[in-house]
Amino acid sequence: MRKIELMHKLFGRSKQGLLCKECSHFYRRKASDTLVRKCEVYGDSCSEATDWNASYIGCGLAPNVPYTGRPVKELVTPDRQKKQRVETEGQISLF
């Protein structure tokens, strides 16, 4: 599922047909020597995975609906907790 499709599934589409660039959650910032576009609701990282397209059809939060939840990218990424270590009887531990 594409990022914008997930946003539309969670929040619906903009009733006014606004584009993401017209939303208060859309912003641009400089990273190195390039300008990157992000959605504060989806989340921000130093990766292209959170880069946003200004011409996407806005979600239901456009233009000024406040959002105070967790970034959407945190809701869809797998849990990266360390798996519990299982020791076999007779196995040597290095720790």
C-alpha atoms as a PDB file:
ATOM      1  CA  MET A   1       0.000   0.000   0.000  1.00  0.00           C
ATOM      2  CA  ARG A   2       1.345   3.427  -0.901  1.00  0.00           C
ATOM      3  CA  LYS A   3       1.800   6.059   1.809  1.00  0.00           C
ATOM      4  CA  ILE A   4      -1.016   8.298   0.581  1.00  0.00           C
ATOM      5  CA  GLU A   5      -3.385   5.325   0.222  1.00  0.00           C
ATOM      6  CA  LEU A   6      -2.756   4.497   3.871  1.00  0.00           C
ATOM      7  CA  MET A   7      -3.466   8.110   4.861  1.00  0.00           C
ATOM      8  CA  HIS A   8      -6.728   8.036   2.875  1.00  0.00           C
ATOM      9  CA  LYS A   9      -7.695   4.740   4.504  1.00  0.00           C
ATOM     10  CA  LEU A  10      -7.066   6.135   8.006  1.00  0.00           C
ATOM     11  CA  PHE A  11      -8.407   9.671   7.603  1.00  0.00           C
ATOM     12  CA  GLY A  12     -10.469   9.681   4.394  1.00  0.00           C
ATOM     13  CA  ARG A  13      -9.962  12.064   1.496  1.00  0.00           C
ATOM     14  CA  SER A  14     -10.063  15.831   1.645  1.00  0.00           C
ATOM     15  CA  LYS A  15     -13.708  16.883   1.235  1.00  0.00           C
ATOM     16  CA  GLN A  16     -12.622  20.075  -0.526  1.00  0.00           C
ATOM     17  CA  GLY A  17     -10.326  18.175  -2.924  1.00  0.00           C
ATOM     18  CA  LEU A  18      -7.250  19.941  -1.570  1.00  0.00           C
ATOM     19  CA  LEU A  19      -3.735  18.831  -2.397  1.00  0.00           C
ATOM     20  CA  CYS A  20      -1.208  17.959   0.277  1.00  0.00           C
ATOM     21  CA  LYS A  21       0.766  21.145  -0.459  1.00  0.00           C
ATOM     22  CA  GLU A  22      -2.275  23.153   0.714  1.00  0.00           C
ATOM     23  CA  CYS A  23      -2.389  21.358   4.077  1.00  0.00           C
ATOM     24  CA  SER A  24      -1.002  22.770   7.330  1.00  0.00           C
ATOM     25  CA  HIS A  25       0.675  19.400   8.065  1.00  0.00           C
ATOM     26  CA  PHE A  26       2.781  19.556   4.884  1.00  0.00           C
ATOM     27  CA  TYR A  27       6.181  21.215   5.141  1.00  0.00           C
ATOM     28  CA  ARG A  28       9.489  21.541   3.364  1.00  0.00           C
ATOM     29  CA  ARG A  29      12.906  21.396   4.968  1.00  0.00           C
ATOM     30  CA  LYS A  30      16.456  21.420   3.783  1.00  0.00           C
ATOM     31  CA  ALA A  31      18.445  18.181   4.076  1.00  0.00           C
ATOM     32  CA  SER A  32      22.062  18.513   2.995  1.00  0.00           C
ATOM     33  CA  ASP A  33      21.769  20.519  -0.215  1.00  0.00           C
ATOM     34  CA  THR A  34      18.300  19.395  -1.240  1.00  0.00           C
ATOM     35  CA  LEU A  35      14.800  20.444  -0.318  1.00  0.00           C
ATOM     36  CA  VAL A  36      12.668  17.574   0.995  1.00  0.00           C
ATOM     37  CA  ARG A  37       8.923  17.516   1.504  1.00  0.00           C
ATOM     38  CA  LYS A  38       7.324  15.821   4.507  1.00  0.00           C
ATOM     39  CA  CYS A  39       3.964  15.269   6.167  1.00  0.00           C
ATOM     40  CA  GLU A  40       4.096  15.750   9.929  1.00  0.00           C
ATOM     41  CA  VAL A  41       1.199  13.325  10.417  1.00  0.00           C
ATOM     42  CA  TYR A  42       2.886  10.543   8.436  1.00  0.00           C
ATOM     43  CA  GLY A  43       6.214  11.153  10.157  1.00  0.00           C
ATOM     44  CA  ASP A  44       9.694  12.382   9.435  1.00  0.00           C
ATOM     45  CA  SER A  45      12.974  10.540   9.082  1.00  0.00           C
ATOM     46  CA  CYS A  46      16.241  11.031   7.243  1.00  0.00           C
ATOM     47  CA  SER A  47      15.070   8.476   4.706  1.00  0.00           C
ATOM     48  CA  GLU A  48      13.341   8.861   1.362  1.00  0.00           C
ATOM     49  CA  ALA A  49      10.697   6.527   2.775  1.00  0.00           C
ATOM     50  CA  THR A  50       8.996   9.496   4.446  1.00  0.00           C
ATOM     51  CA  ASP A  51       9.405  11.965   1.568  1.00  0.00           C
ATOM     52  CA  TRP A  52       6.056  13.339   0.478  1.00  0.00           C
ATOM     53  CA  ASN A  53       4.614  14.440  -2.848  1.00  0.00           C
ATOM     54  CA  ALA A  54       3.042  17.906  -2.830  1.00  0.00           C
ATOM     55  CA  SER A  55       0.568  16.952  -5.559  1.00  0.00           C
ATOM     56  CA  TYR A  56      -1.042  14.052  -3.672  1.00  0.00           C
ATOM     57  CA  ILE A  57      -4.781  14.466  -3.068  1.00  0.00           C
ATOM     58  CA  GLY A  58      -4.978  15.487   0.587  1.00  0.00           C
ATOM     59  CA  CYS A  59      -6.321  13.248   3.319  1.00  0.00           C
ATOM     60  CA  GLY A  60      -9.222  14.080   5.613  1.00  0.00           C
ATOM     61  CA  LEU A  61      -6.940  16.140   7.872  1.00  0.00           C
ATOM     62  CA  ALA A  62      -6.445  18.786   5.173  1.00  0.00           C
ATOM     63  CA  PRO A  63      -6.359  21.716   5.502  1.00  0.00           C
ATOM     64  CA  ASN A  64      -6.277  22.429   9.265  1.00  0.00           C
ATOM     65  CA  VAL A  65      -7.616  19.479  11.251  1.00  0.00           C
ATOM     66  CA  PRO A  66      -5.375  19.009  14.308  1.00  0.00           C
ATOM     67  CA  TYR A  67      -3.696  15.644  14.864  1.00  0.00           C
ATOM     68  CA  THR A  68      -2.112  14.694  18.181  1.00  0.00           C
ATOM     69  CA  GLY A  69      -1.574  10.954  17.706  1.00  0.00           C
ATOM     70  CA  ARG A  70       1.586   9.027  16.944  1.00  0.00           C
ATOM     71  CA  PRO A  71       3.140   9.421  13.489  1.00  0.00           C
ATOM     72  CA  VAL A  72       1.482   7.020  11.050  1.00  0.00           C
ATOM     73  CA  LYS A  73       4.830   5.487  10.036  1.00  0.00           C
ATOM     74  CA  GLU A  74       5.255   4.274  13.628  1.00  0.00           C
ATOM     75  CA  LEU A  75       1.857   2.588  13.470  1.00  0.00           C
ATOM     76  CA  VAL A  76       2.734   0.559  10.378  1.00  0.00           C
ATOM     77  CA  THR A  77       6.382  -0.372  10.973  1.00  0.00           C
ATOM     78  CA  PRO A  78       7.053  -3.769  12.511  1.00  0.00           C
ATOM     79  CA  ASP A  79       7.931  -3.973  16.172  1.00  0.00           C
ATOM     80  CA  ARG A  80      11.705  -4.067  16.365  1.00  0.00           C
ATOM     81  CA  GLN A  81      12.063  -5.276  19.925  1.00  0.00           C
ATOM     82  CA  LYS A  82      14.817  -7.788  20.515  1.00  0.00           C
ATOM     83  CA  LYS A  83      13.638 -11.345  20.537  1.00  0.00           C
ATOM     84  CA  GLN A  84      14.073 -13.128  23.788  1.00  0.00           C
ATOM     85  CA  ARG A  85      17.254 -15.172  23.777  1.00  0.00           C
ATOM     86  CA  VAL A  86      16.710 -18.897  24.171  1.00  0.00           C
ATOM     87  CA  GLU A  87      19.644 -20.841  25.568  1.00  0.00           C
ATOM     88  CA  THR A  88      20.042 -24.513  24.865  1.00  0.00           C
ATOM     89  CA  GLU A  89      21.322 -26.727  27.649  1.00  0.00           C
ATOM     90  CA  GLY A  90      25.086 -27.152  27.374  1.00  0.00           C
ATOM     91  CA  GLN A  91      25.504 -24.131  25.094  1.00  0.00           C
ATOM     92  CA  ILE A  92      28.347 -21.743  25.955  1.00  0.00           C
ATOM     93  CA  SER A  93      27.313 -18.123  26.553  1.00  0.00           C
ATOM     94  CA  LEU A  94      29.586 -15.280  25.514  1.00  0.00           C
ATOM     95  CA  PHE A  95      27.775 -12.803  27.737  1.00  0.00           C
END
